[in-house]
Amino acid sequence: MEKKGSRLRELLGSGEVIIMIAVGTAHQARLAEKTGFEAVTISGSSTSEEIFGLPDAGFITMTELVENVERICRAVNLPVMVDCDTGFGNAINVRRTVDSVIRAGAAGLFIEDQVAPKRCGFIKGKEVIPLEEAVGKFRAAVEARDELDPDVVIMARTDARGAVGGGLEEAIRRAKAYREAGVDMLYVEALRSRDEIKQVRSALGDCWLKITESAINPPLTFQEMKELGLCSVSCHVNQSGSIAMYDFLMEVKKQGMGAYTEFRRRIQDHPLGGPGFYGPLAGLVDLAGFPKVSEWERKYLSPEQLKKYESSLGTYDPRSGKGKG
């Protein structure tokens, strides 16, 4: 089986702009895999907001992150890139962070040069650590990676463009230094225009480059992303899911359970839906892997034990998948 780090390198080096679905949960990662995407990235903000109900302001710990990384990496066969915030300490702490995240299954990871506690990239008030300190952290990350699995991708993110005392020149200066420290990929956050992207690309030459494309207005077309040499872009699914759930809950609040009845009717033929009273859960149960449980039962349990299916009731049969009307 091809290593996930090797697969991620192949994708990034393909010359195409890889759409990485940014997730916070194993469920979202499975949705990305089911719909045909080739890689996911674990978002620090999604992890903080969806798992802990906290803002992306440096509240989560390294252990909490690693637990989520392991859950997600076990759930899918896709290569997973991990947002490691500031690395949870100095260069010495970074070594343990990198080691732990790789052992949890990551195909790649990135660390940013903000001070701790950090904050989400588009939030005002960001500050960055001294360049020498940041370079030390990236050197530590690369060396820890090389000792464990050289195929894992290390990305360095600089927030200097929008930080206190920063700017475009400082962001370029830092990106060059991080590349010299041995990282595989550069993430220059908070660029404001197409011209700034072109300046960064010109200064950095031929390298794997990522930006926060959603900050550019008017939005970049996919063709422009390719022409500007971006190797990957992130699509955050949490907002779409949260808006859909909010709108649905508002309908239930307004109309009562009739809104839920109508919802169940509408999704009978949806890939994640199904018929019957428990139909709305049938597709999700399939996605979670219940048919595989039935397969294992047929393989390992006795015929006598399998009779439970014929002597019990239910609108979902894991032997065939999806709900039955």
Foldseek 3Di string as FASTA:
>chain_A
DDAQLLVVVCLLPVLAAAEAAEAQALLVLLVCVVVPHAEHEHDLQRVCCVVPVHGLQQPDALVSQLVRLLRNQVSDPHAYEYECEQCRDFLVSNLVSLLSNVVSRHSEYEHEFWDPPAHPLVDPATHGDDLVRSLSNLLSNCVSCVVPPNSRAYEYEYSQCRYVVGRLVNLLVSQQSSVVSPGQEYEYEDDEEPVSLLVSCVSNDDGAYHYAQVNYPPGDDSVSCSVSRHSYYYDYCPVVVVVVVVVLVVCCVVPNCVSVVVVLVVCCPPCCAHDDPCRNRQNVCVSSPLLVVVVVCVVPPDPVVVCVVVVDDDQADSVVGGGHD
